[in-house]
C-alpha atoms as a PDB file:
ATOM      1  CA  MET A   1      10.557 -16.856  11.213  1.00  0.00           C
ATOM      2  CA  TYR A   2       7.109 -16.158  12.272  1.00  0.00           C
ATOM      3  CA  GLN A   3       4.916 -19.206  12.930  1.00  0.00           C
ATOM      4  CA  SER A   4       0.888 -18.608  12.666  1.00  0.00           C
ATOM      5  CA  GLU A   5       0.117 -21.093  15.265  1.00  0.00           C
ATOM      6  CA  THR A   6       2.993 -21.541  18.105  1.00  0.00           C
ATOM      7  CA  GLY A   7       4.182 -17.801  18.039  1.00  0.00           C
ATOM      8  CA  ILE A   8       7.143 -16.048  16.509  1.00  0.00           C
ATOM      9  CA  ASN A   9      10.699 -16.542  16.758  1.00  0.00           C
ATOM     10  CA  PRO A  10      12.854 -15.345  19.651  1.00  0.00           C
ATOM     11  CA  THR A  11      14.001 -12.091  18.062  1.00  0.00           C
ATOM     12  CA  ALA A  12      10.612 -10.685  17.711  1.00  0.00           C
ATOM     13  CA  SER A  13       9.210 -12.619  20.933  1.00  0.00           C
ATOM     14  CA  HIS A  14      11.589 -10.471  23.255  1.00  0.00           C
ATOM     15  CA  CYS A  15      10.754  -7.348  21.000  1.00  0.00           C
ATOM     16  CA  LEU A  16       6.928  -7.629  21.325  1.00  0.00           C
ATOM     17  CA  GLY A  17       6.183 -10.378  23.851  1.00  0.00           C
ATOM     18  CA  ILE A  18       3.424 -12.129  21.744  1.00  0.00           C
ATOM     19  CA  ASN A  19       4.274 -15.610  23.001  1.00  0.00           C
ATOM     20  CA  LEU A  20       4.026 -14.209  26.826  1.00  0.00           C
ATOM     21  CA  VAL A  21       0.374 -13.273  25.940  1.00  0.00           C
ATOM     22  CA  PRO A  22      -2.198 -15.743  27.288  1.00  0.00           C
ATOM     23  CA  VAL A  23      -4.532 -17.498  24.850  1.00  0.00           C
ATOM     24  CA  GLU A  24      -7.635 -19.655  24.510  1.00  0.00           C
ATOM     25  CA  HIS A  25      -8.642 -21.816  22.013  1.00  0.00           C
ATOM     26  CA  ARG A  26     -12.079 -22.562  21.208  1.00  0.00           C
ATOM     27  CA  ASP A  27     -15.041 -22.227  18.594  1.00  0.00           C
ATOM     28  CA  VAL A  28     -16.663 -18.885  17.968  1.00  0.00           C
ATOM     29  CA  ASP A  29     -19.725 -17.750  16.376  1.00  0.00           C
ATOM     30  CA  VAL A  30     -18.976 -16.095  13.094  1.00  0.00           C
ATOM     31  CA  ASP A  31     -21.512 -13.182  13.715  1.00  0.00           C
ATOM     32  CA  LEU A  32     -19.712 -12.360  16.885  1.00  0.00           C
ATOM     33  CA  MET A  33     -16.643 -11.246  14.802  1.00  0.00           C
ATOM     34  CA  GLN A  34     -15.825  -8.197  12.929  1.00  0.00           C
ATOM     35  CA  PRO A  35     -12.677  -7.102  10.846  1.00  0.00           C
ATOM     36  CA  GLY A  36     -10.133  -5.374  13.192  1.00  0.00           C
ATOM     37  CA  ILE A  37      -8.306  -2.073  12.140  1.00  0.00           C
ATOM     38  CA  TRP A  38      -4.773  -3.932  11.506  1.00  0.00           C
ATOM     39  CA  GLN A  39      -6.031  -5.504   8.080  1.00  0.00           C
ATOM     40  CA  THR A  40      -3.585  -4.519   5.262  1.00  0.00           C
ATOM     41  CA  ARG A  41      -5.531  -6.322   2.574  1.00  0.00           C
ATOM     42  CA  ARG A  42      -8.420  -4.537   1.149  1.00  0.00           C
ATOM     43  CA  ASN A  43      -9.277  -6.820  -1.884  1.00  0.00           C
ATOM     44  CA  PHE A  44     -10.893 -10.062  -1.614  1.00  0.00           C
ATOM     45  CA  THR A  45     -12.109 -11.694  -4.697  1.00  0.00           C
ATOM     46  CA  LEU A  46     -15.346 -13.899  -4.887  1.00  0.00           C
ATOM     47  CA  ALA A  47     -13.502 -16.838  -6.579  1.00  0.00           C
ATOM     48  CA  GLU A  48     -10.906 -17.177  -3.898  1.00  0.00           C
ATOM     49  CA  LEU A  49     -13.360 -16.782  -1.166  1.00  0.00           C
ATOM     50  CA  GLU A  50     -15.464 -19.584  -2.912  1.00  0.00           C
ATOM     51  CA  GLU A  51     -12.575 -21.779  -2.955  1.00  0.00           C
ATOM     52  CA  LEU A  52     -11.465 -21.515   0.711  1.00  0.00           C
ATOM     53  CA  GLY A  53     -14.932 -21.902   1.524  1.00  0.00           C
ATOM     54  CA  ASP A  54     -15.443 -25.095  -0.017  1.00  0.00           C
ATOM     55  CA  SER A  55     -12.214 -26.240   1.406  1.00  0.00           C
ATOM     56  CA  MET A  56     -13.283 -25.406   4.806  1.00  0.00           C
ATOM     57  CA  VAL A  57     -16.569 -27.532   4.050  1.00  0.00           C
ATOM     58  CA  LYS A  58     -14.798 -30.464   3.090  1.00  0.00           C
ATOM     59  CA  ALA A  59     -12.512 -30.279   6.338  1.00  0.00           C
ATOM     60  CA  GLY A  60     -15.293 -29.888   8.618  1.00  0.00           C
ATOM     61  CA  GLY A  61     -13.908 -26.179   9.766  1.00  0.00           C
ATOM     62  CA  ASN A  62     -11.020 -24.036   9.633  1.00  0.00           C
ATOM     63  CA  VAL A  63      -7.551 -25.749  10.034  1.00  0.00           C
ATOM     64  CA  THR A  64      -5.529 -22.646  10.996  1.00  0.00           C
ATOM     65  CA  PRO A  65      -7.304 -20.556  13.936  1.00  0.00           C
ATOM     66  CA  VAL A  66      -8.758 -17.090  13.395  1.00  0.00           C
ATOM     67  CA  VAL A  67      -6.738 -15.174  15.785  1.00  0.00           C
ATOM     68  CA  LEU A  68      -9.161 -12.779  18.124  1.00  0.00           C
ATOM     69  CA  CYS A  69      -8.921  -9.814  20.382  1.00  0.00           C
ATOM     70  CA  PRO A  70     -11.847  -9.390  22.694  1.00  0.00           C
ATOM     71  CA  ARG A  71     -13.709  -5.979  22.148  1.00  0.00           C
ATOM     72  CA  ALA A  72     -14.579  -4.028  25.320  1.00  0.00           C
ATOM     73  CA  GLN A  73     -18.433  -3.864  23.895  1.00  0.00           C
ATOM     74  CA  GLY A  74     -18.378  -7.682  23.465  1.00  0.00           C
ATOM     75  CA  GLY A  75     -17.746  -9.700  20.550  1.00  0.00           C
ATOM     76  CA  TYR A  76     -14.098  -9.633  19.047  1.00  0.00           C
ATOM     77  CA  PHE A  77     -11.936  -8.104  16.462  1.00  0.00           C
ATOM     78  CA  ILE A  78     -10.281 -10.202  14.079  1.00  0.00           C
ATOM     79  CA  ILE A  79      -6.425  -9.779  14.075  1.00  0.00           C
ATOM     80  CA  SER A  80      -5.816 -12.529  11.208  1.00  0.00           C
ATOM     81  CA  GLY A  81      -8.203 -14.766   9.133  1.00  0.00           C
ATOM     82  CA  GLU A  82     -10.496 -12.229   7.911  1.00  0.00           C
ATOM     83  CA  ARG A  83     -10.356 -14.350   4.699  1.00  0.00           C
ATOM     84  CA  ARG A  84     -11.529 -17.461   6.308  1.00  0.00           C
ATOM     85  CA  TRP A  85     -14.316 -15.398   8.223  1.00  0.00           C
ATOM     86  CA  ARG A  86     -15.518 -14.201   4.914  1.00  0.00           C
ATOM     87  CA  ALA A  87     -15.399 -17.589   3.044  1.00  0.00           C
ATOM     88  CA  ALA A  88     -17.349 -19.085   6.230  1.00  0.00           C
ATOM     89  CA  GLN A  89     -19.921 -16.147   5.965  1.00  0.00           C
ATOM     90  CA  LEU A  90     -20.417 -16.927   2.024  1.00  0.00           C
ATOM     91  CA  LYS A  91     -20.710 -20.792   2.935  1.00  0.00           C
ATOM     92  CA  MET A  92     -22.925 -20.331   5.995  1.00  0.00           C
ATOM     93  CA  ILE A  93     -20.566 -21.874   8.135  1.00  0.00           C
ATOM     94  CA  PRO A  94     -21.714 -20.729  11.781  1.00  0.00           C
ATOM     95  CA  ARG A  95     -18.519 -21.060  14.180  1.00  0.00           C
ATOM     96  CA  LEU A  96     -14.677 -21.017  13.607  1.00  0.00           C
ATOM     97  CA  HIS A  97     -11.831 -22.321  15.510  1.00  0.00           C
ATOM     98  CA  CYS A  98     -10.373 -19.231  17.129  1.00  0.00           C
ATOM     99  CA  ARG A  99      -7.107 -18.410  19.265  1.00  0.00           C
ATOM    100  CA  ILE A 100      -8.072 -15.524  21.475  1.00  0.00           C
ATOM    101  CA  GLY A 101      -5.830 -13.049  23.378  1.00  0.00           C
ATOM    102  CA  HIS A 102      -5.891  -9.581  24.938  1.00  0.00           C
ATOM    103  CA  TYR A 103      -3.035  -8.388  22.381  1.00  0.00           C
ATOM    104  CA  THR A 104      -1.654  -4.915  22.326  1.00  0.00           C
ATOM    105  CA  ASP A 105      -2.228  -2.865  19.339  1.00  0.00           C
ATOM    106  CA  ASN A 106       1.687  -3.344  18.501  1.00  0.00           C
ATOM    107  CA  GLN A 107       1.340  -6.931  18.920  1.00  0.00           C
ATOM    108  CA  ALA A 108      -1.850  -7.192  16.650  1.00  0.00           C
ATOM    109  CA  ARG A 109      -0.334  -5.189  13.908  1.00  0.00           C
ATOM    110  CA  PHE A 110       2.673  -7.178  13.878  1.00  0.00           C
ATOM    111  CA  ILE A 111       0.498 -10.578  13.921  1.00  0.00           C
ATOM    112  CA  SER A 112      -2.127  -9.177  10.927  1.00  0.00           C
ATOM    113  CA  ALA A 113       0.613  -8.069   8.881  1.00  0.00           C
ATOM    114  CA  VAL A 114       2.746 -11.146   8.920  1.00  0.00           C
ATOM    115  CA  GLU A 115       0.064 -13.586   8.322  1.00  0.00           C
ATOM    116  CA  ASN A 116      -0.799 -11.669   5.542  1.00  0.00           C
ATOM    117  CA  VAL A 117       2.361 -11.464   4.098  1.00  0.00           C
ATOM    118  CA  LEU A 118       2.992 -15.347   4.842  1.00  0.00           C
ATOM    119  CA  ARG A 119      -0.317 -16.497   3.517  1.00  0.00           C
ATOM    120  CA  VAL A 120      -1.799 -14.106   1.053  1.00  0.00           C
ATOM    121  CA  GLN A 121      -0.803 -13.302  -2.500  1.00  0.00           C
ATOM    122  CA  LEU A 122      -0.550  -9.550  -2.123  1.00  0.00           C
ATOM    123  CA  ASN A 123      -0.341  -6.612  -4.568  1.00  0.00           C
ATOM    124  CA  PRO A 124       2.741  -4.822  -4.032  1.00  0.00           C
ATOM    125  CA  ILE A 125       1.116  -2.105  -2.185  1.00  0.00           C
ATOM    126  CA  GLU A 126      -0.515  -4.133   0.117  1.00  0.00           C
ATOM    127  CA  GLU A 127       2.732  -5.966   0.811  1.00  0.00           C
ATOM    128  CA  ALA A 128       4.635  -2.550   1.306  1.00  0.00           C
ATOM    129  CA  GLN A 129       1.791  -1.673   3.795  1.00  0.00           C
ATOM    130  CA  ALA A 130       2.170  -4.826   5.728  1.00  0.00           C
ATOM    131  CA  TYR A 131       5.849  -3.789   6.189  1.00  0.00           C
ATOM    132  CA  ALA A 132       5.141  -0.492   7.210  1.00  0.00           C
ATOM    133  CA  ASP A 133       2.537  -1.698   9.832  1.00  0.00           C
ATOM    134  CA  ILE A 134       5.355  -4.454  11.513  1.00  0.00           C
ATOM    135  CA  GLN A 135       8.002  -1.322  10.987  1.00  0.00           C
ATOM    136  CA  GLU A 136       5.650   0.591  13.337  1.00  0.00           C
ATOM    137  CA  THR A 137       6.090  -1.964  15.936  1.00  0.00           C
ATOM    138  CA  GLY A 138       9.781  -1.066  16.259  1.00  0.00           C
ATOM    139  CA  LEU A 139      11.464  -3.544  14.331  1.00  0.00           C
ATOM    140  CA  SER A 140      13.966  -2.512  11.622  1.00  0.00           C
ATOM    141  CA  HIS A 141      14.231  -3.265   8.069  1.00  0.00           C
ATOM    142  CA  GLU A 142      16.556  -6.394   8.699  1.00  0.00           C
ATOM    143  CA  GLN A 143      14.460  -7.602  11.755  1.00  0.00           C
ATOM    144  CA  ILE A 144      11.341  -7.560   9.367  1.00  0.00           C
ATOM    145  CA  GLY A 145      13.315  -9.328   6.704  1.00  0.00           C
ATOM    146  CA  LYS A 146      14.464 -12.097   9.305  1.00  0.00           C
ATOM    147  CA  GLU A 147      10.908 -12.641  10.482  1.00  0.00           C
ATOM    148  CA  LEU A 148       9.263 -13.111   6.910  1.00  0.00           C
ATOM    149  CA  GLY A 149      12.318 -14.737   5.228  1.00  0.00           C
ATOM    150  CA  LYS A 150      13.018 -11.920   3.029  1.00  0.00           C
ATOM    151  CA  SER A 151      16.178  -9.749   2.411  1.00  0.00           C
ATOM    152  CA  ARG A 152      16.430  -6.490   4.154  1.00  0.00           C
ATOM    153  CA  SER A 153      16.884  -4.678   0.597  1.00  0.00           C
ATOM    154  CA  HIS A 154      13.446  -6.456  -0.332  1.00  0.00           C
ATOM    155  CA  VAL A 155      11.870  -4.943   2.529  1.00  0.00           C
ATOM    156  CA  SER A 156      13.452  -1.634   1.935  1.00  0.00           C
ATOM    157  CA  ASN A 157      12.403  -1.381  -1.519  1.00  0.00           C
ATOM    158  CA  TYR A 158       8.997  -2.184  -1.119  1.00  0.00           C
ATOM    159  CA  LEU A 159       8.611   0.447   1.232  1.00  0.00           C
ATOM    160  CA  ARG A 160       9.786   2.983  -0.999  1.00  0.00           C
ATOM    161  CA  LEU A 161       6.932   1.980  -3.350  1.00  0.00           C
ATOM    162  CA  LEU A 162       4.649   3.883  -0.880  1.00  0.00           C
ATOM    163  CA  THR A 163       6.115   7.069  -1.371  1.00  0.00           C
ATOM    164  CA  LEU A 164       4.974   6.801  -5.126  1.00  0.00           C
ATOM    165  CA  ASP A 165       2.558   8.903  -6.726  1.00  0.00           C
ATOM    166  CA  ILE A 166      -1.422   7.879  -6.470  1.00  0.00           C
ATOM    167  CA  THR A 167      -1.793   6.921 -10.081  1.00  0.00           C
ATOM    168  CA  ALA A 168       1.590   4.544 -10.137  1.00  0.00           C
ATOM    169  CA  LYS A 169       0.474   2.913  -6.916  1.00  0.00           C
ATOM    170  CA  ASP A 170      -2.882   2.282  -8.639  1.00  0.00           C
ATOM    171  CA  PHE A 171      -1.125   0.462 -11.420  1.00  0.00           C
ATOM    172  CA  LEU A 172       0.732  -1.640  -9.034  1.00  0.00           C
ATOM    173  CA  ILE A 173      -2.591  -2.748  -7.372  1.00  0.00           C
ATOM    174  CA  HIS A 174      -4.492  -3.383 -10.218  1.00  0.00           C
ATOM    175  CA  GLY A 175      -1.530  -5.340 -11.620  1.00  0.00           C
ATOM    176  CA  LYS A 176      -0.619  -2.951 -14.555  1.00  0.00           C
ATOM    177  CA  LEU A 177       3.026  -2.416 -13.340  1.00  0.00           C
ATOM    178  CA  THR A 178       5.242  -4.953 -11.160  1.00  0.00           C
ATOM    179  CA  ALA A 179       7.074  -4.039  -8.076  1.00  0.00           C
ATOM    180  CA  THR A 180      10.268  -4.440 -10.226  1.00  0.00           C
ATOM    181  CA  GLN A 181       9.108  -2.144 -12.958  1.00  0.00           C
ATOM    182  CA  ALA A 182       7.946   0.656 -10.584  1.00  0.00           C
ATOM    183  CA  ARG A 183      10.900   0.492  -8.216  1.00  0.00           C
ATOM    184  CA  PRO A 184      13.011   3.116 -10.918  1.00  0.00           C
ATOM    185  CA  LEU A 185      10.264   5.657 -10.287  1.00  0.00           C
ATOM    186  CA  CYS A 186      10.973   5.936  -6.703  1.00  0.00           C
ATOM    187  CA  SER A 187      14.272   7.959  -7.687  1.00  0.00           C
ATOM    188  CA  LEU A 188      12.087  10.657  -9.260  1.00  0.00           C
ATOM    189  CA  ASP A 189      11.273  13.499  -6.676  1.00  0.00           C
ATOM    190  CA  SER A 190       8.367  14.959  -8.774  1.00  0.00           C
ATOM    191  CA  LYS A 191       5.176  13.137  -8.151  1.00  0.00           C
ATOM    192  CA  GLY A 192       4.243  14.422 -11.539  1.00  0.00           C
ATOM    193  CA  ILE A 193       7.110  12.979 -13.401  1.00  0.00           C
ATOM    194  CA  GLN A 194       6.515   9.498 -11.872  1.00  0.00           C
ATOM    195  CA  ARG A 195       2.926   9.615 -12.823  1.00  0.00           C
ATOM    196  CA  GLU A 196       4.125  10.538 -16.605  1.00  0.00           C
ATOM    197  CA  VAL A 197       6.529   7.747 -16.806  1.00  0.00           C
ATOM    198  CA  ALA A 198       4.394   5.043 -15.281  1.00  0.00           C
ATOM    199  CA  THR A 199       1.532   6.117 -17.478  1.00  0.00           C
ATOM    200  CA  LYS A 200       3.529   5.654 -20.397  1.00  0.00           C
ATOM    201  CA  ALA A 201       5.126   2.753 -19.074  1.00  0.00           C
ATOM    202  CA  VAL A 202       1.634   0.858 -18.844  1.00  0.00           C
ATOM    203  CA  ARG A 203       0.309   2.470 -22.331  1.00  0.00           C
ATOM    204  CA  LEU A 204       3.450   1.350 -24.049  1.00  0.00           C
ATOM    205  CA  GLY A 205       4.280  -1.827 -22.309  1.00  0.00           C
ATOM    206  CA  TRP A 206       7.745  -0.677 -21.281  1.00  0.00           C
ATOM    207  CA  SER A 207      10.311  -3.146 -19.874  1.00  0.00           C
ATOM    208  CA  VAL A 208      12.133  -2.610 -16.628  1.00  0.00           C
ATOM    209  CA  LYS A 209      15.221  -1.542 -18.794  1.00  0.00           C
ATOM    210  CA  ARG A 210      13.128   1.037 -20.858  1.00  0.00           C
ATOM    211  CA  ILE A 211      11.798   2.434 -17.438  1.00  0.00           C
ATOM    212  CA  GLU A 212      15.289   3.033 -16.016  1.00  0.00           C
ATOM    213  CA  ASP A 213      16.374   4.578 -19.128  1.00  0.00           C
ATOM    214  CA  GLU A 214      13.442   7.150 -19.276  1.00  0.00           C
ATOM    215  CA  VAL A 215      13.908   7.645 -15.279  1.00  0.00           C
ATOM    216  CA  ALA A 216      17.716   8.316 -16.113  1.00  0.00           C
ATOM    217  CA  LYS A 217      16.818  10.960 -18.733  1.00  0.00           C
ATOM    218  CA  HIS A 218      14.779  12.734 -16.308  1.00  0.00           C
ATOM    219  CA  LEU A 219      17.209  12.794 -13.641  1.00  0.00           C
ATOM    220  CA  ASN A 220      20.222  14.017 -15.700  1.00  0.00           C
ATOM    221  CA  LYS A 221      17.685  16.740 -17.239  1.00  0.00           C
ATOM    222  CA  PRO A 222      18.468  20.233 -15.877  1.00  0.00           C
ATOM    223  CA  LYS A 223      15.552  21.747 -13.866  1.00  0.00           C
ATOM    224  CA  PRO A 224      13.628  24.358 -15.885  1.00  0.00           C
ATOM    225  CA  LYS A 225      13.835  27.754 -13.946  1.00  0.00           C
ATOM    226  CA  VAL A 226      10.787  29.844 -13.928  1.00  0.00           C
ATOM    227  CA  ASN A 227      11.100  33.482 -13.221  1.00  0.00           C
ATOM    228  CA  LEU A 228       8.131  34.282 -10.747  1.00  0.00           C
ATOM    229  CA  PRO A 229       7.133  37.724 -10.661  1.00  0.00           C
ATOM    230  CA  LYS A 230       7.009  39.508  -7.404  1.00  0.00           C
ATOM    231  CA  GLN A 231       3.798  38.430  -5.358  1.00  0.00           C
ATOM    232  CA  ASP A 232       2.689  38.181  -1.923  1.00  0.00           C
ATOM    233  CA  ALA A 233       3.125  35.062   0.405  1.00  0.00           C
ATOM    234  CA  ASP A 234      -0.456  33.868  -0.164  1.00  0.00           C
ATOM    235  CA  ILE A 235       0.323  33.504  -3.978  1.00  0.00           C
ATOM    236  CA  ALA A 236       3.632  32.088  -3.552  1.00  0.00           C
ATOM    237  CA  ARG A 237       2.125  29.426  -1.171  1.00  0.00           C
ATOM    238  CA  LEU A 238      -0.427  28.559  -3.899  1.00  0.00           C
ATOM    239  CA  THR A 239       1.959  28.522  -6.733  1.00  0.00           C
ATOM    240  CA  ARG A 240       4.097  25.924  -4.544  1.00  0.00           C
ATOM    241  CA  LEU A 241       0.870  23.590  -3.913  1.00  0.00           C
ATOM    242  CA  VAL A 242      -0.305  23.608  -7.495  1.00  0.00           C
ATOM    243  CA  SER A 243       3.266  22.885  -8.769  1.00  0.00           C
ATOM    244  CA  ASP A 244       3.612  20.176  -6.504  1.00  0.00           C
ATOM    245  CA  HIS A 245       0.397  18.667  -7.152  1.00  0.00           C
ATOM    246  CA  THR A 246       0.708  18.838 -11.039  1.00  0.00           C
ATOM    247  CA  GLY A 247       4.457  18.011 -10.927  1.00  0.00           C
ATOM    248  CA  TYR A 248       5.234  20.826 -13.456  1.00  0.00           C
ATOM    249  CA  PRO A 249       6.347  24.513 -12.800  1.00  0.00           C
ATOM    250  CA  CYS A 250       3.778  26.862 -12.374  1.00  0.00           C
ATOM    251  CA  VAL A 251       3.091  30.548 -12.454  1.00  0.00           C
ATOM    252  CA  ILE A 252       0.301  32.372 -10.862  1.00  0.00           C
ATOM    253  CA  GLN A 253      -0.493  36.186 -10.744  1.00  0.00           C
ATOM    254  CA  LYS A 254      -3.480  38.642 -10.113  1.00  0.00           C
ATOM    255  CA  THR A 255      -3.575  41.312 -13.155  1.00  0.00           C
ATOM    256  CA  PRO A 256      -4.143  45.098 -12.227  1.00  0.00           C
ATOM    257  CA  SER A 257      -7.839  44.376 -13.371  1.00  0.00           C
ATOM    258  CA  GLY A 258      -8.163  41.747 -10.575  1.00  0.00           C
ATOM    259  CA  ASN A 259      -8.201  38.770 -13.027  1.00  0.00           C
ATOM    260  CA  TRP A 260      -6.005  35.783 -12.447  1.00  0.00           C
ATOM    261  CA  GLN A 261      -3.642  34.180 -14.371  1.00  0.00           C
ATOM    262  CA  MET A 262      -2.261  30.892 -14.283  1.00  0.00           C
ATOM    263  CA  GLY A 263       0.667  29.241 -16.471  1.00  0.00           C
ATOM    264  CA  PHE A 264       2.580  26.135 -16.636  1.00  0.00           C
ATOM    265  CA  LEU A 265       5.956  25.389 -18.298  1.00  0.00           C
ATOM    266  CA  MET A 266       6.588  21.830 -19.777  1.00  0.00           C
ATOM    267  CA  THR A 267       9.638  20.767 -21.649  1.00  0.00           C
ATOM    268  CA  GLY A 268       8.118  18.539 -24.339  1.00  0.00           C
ATOM    269  CA  ASP A 269       4.940  16.974 -25.868  1.00  0.00           C
ATOM    270  CA  ASP A 270       4.908  14.166 -23.307  1.00  0.00           C
ATOM    271  CA  GLN A 271       4.738  16.532 -20.382  1.00  0.00           C
ATOM    272  CA  PHE A 272       1.965  18.401 -22.130  1.00  0.00           C
ATOM    273  CA  ALA A 273      -0.115  15.409 -22.801  1.00  0.00           C
ATOM    274  CA  GLY A 274       0.489  14.375 -19.248  1.00  0.00           C
ATOM    275  CA  LEU A 275      -0.902  17.565 -17.803  1.00  0.00           C
ATOM    276  CA  LEU A 276      -4.259  17.344 -19.950  1.00  0.00           C
ATOM    277  CA  GLU A 277      -4.464  13.759 -19.065  1.00  0.00           C
ATOM    278  CA  ARG A 278      -4.267  14.983 -15.238  1.00  0.00           C
ATOM    279  CA  LEU A 279      -7.213  17.479 -16.090  1.00  0.00           C
ATOM    280  CA  GLY A 280      -9.228  14.808 -17.666  1.00  0.00           C
ATOM    281  CA  ILE A 281      -8.589  15.790 -21.280  1.00  0.00           C
ATOM    282  CA  LYS A 282      -7.550  13.151 -23.823  1.00  0.00           C
ATOM    283  CA  VAL A 283      -5.124  14.368 -26.414  1.00  0.00           C
ATOM    284  CA  ASP A 284      -6.737  12.546 -29.122  1.00  0.00           C
ATOM    285  CA  GLU A 285     -10.219  14.229 -28.543  1.00  0.00           C
ATOM    286  CA  CYS A 286      -8.382  17.841 -29.214  1.00  0.00           C
END
């Protein structure tokens, strides 16, 4: 498994060569650091930064080094340890103990992602993105799992969450759905149906089993056929775009008088309500 201070295990070491990079340990001014592009985590709460900052003040500094990579323009990019850096700023700690190395982009991506997964309580989408970042270094799902002490299936299932509709992802980010609840949604091809089921699951407090049953109903339901009128290539392309975006079959046509008509085919009240919500219209306001 990856070790934050001494390096990584032989498997990833041979693949990425991280343990071969010369490093320097020294204290660095907080003002000389800035977040790197490899950070998976996006949300830092004030409470956790306050708690971490207080512990750093009591300890006389950071116990775990911040990993840095020198910038060509001067100063340093933070590869891992952005949370410690933010806490130091909050508590007016001027310098942090750091490990500095000229890491490649792949090496930095791996270090940052693994540190996040092992050290921080990530939401499911942040964790999935961390696995995706590690995968970009060339490691397989099985290798990623071995590095992090996770099963291959755990890594694969989380990576599938990145294919979900943006609304379902938002529910995961804000803790309204768990990864276990969201996993069945990945079986649905339609983003619109994913969004519909996820929204109902959150609103009605569905269990995992109830979500699985709802997904199964959609998977077993024959897809409605829409007889499209003859139309030129531009209208056909627009029709596909609208259908893909909303998740519902759509018909678009231009009338002889030059007006435009657009219609949707929905198989029930829930789908109709889902489209209205997508348009910003609440059913109870109608």
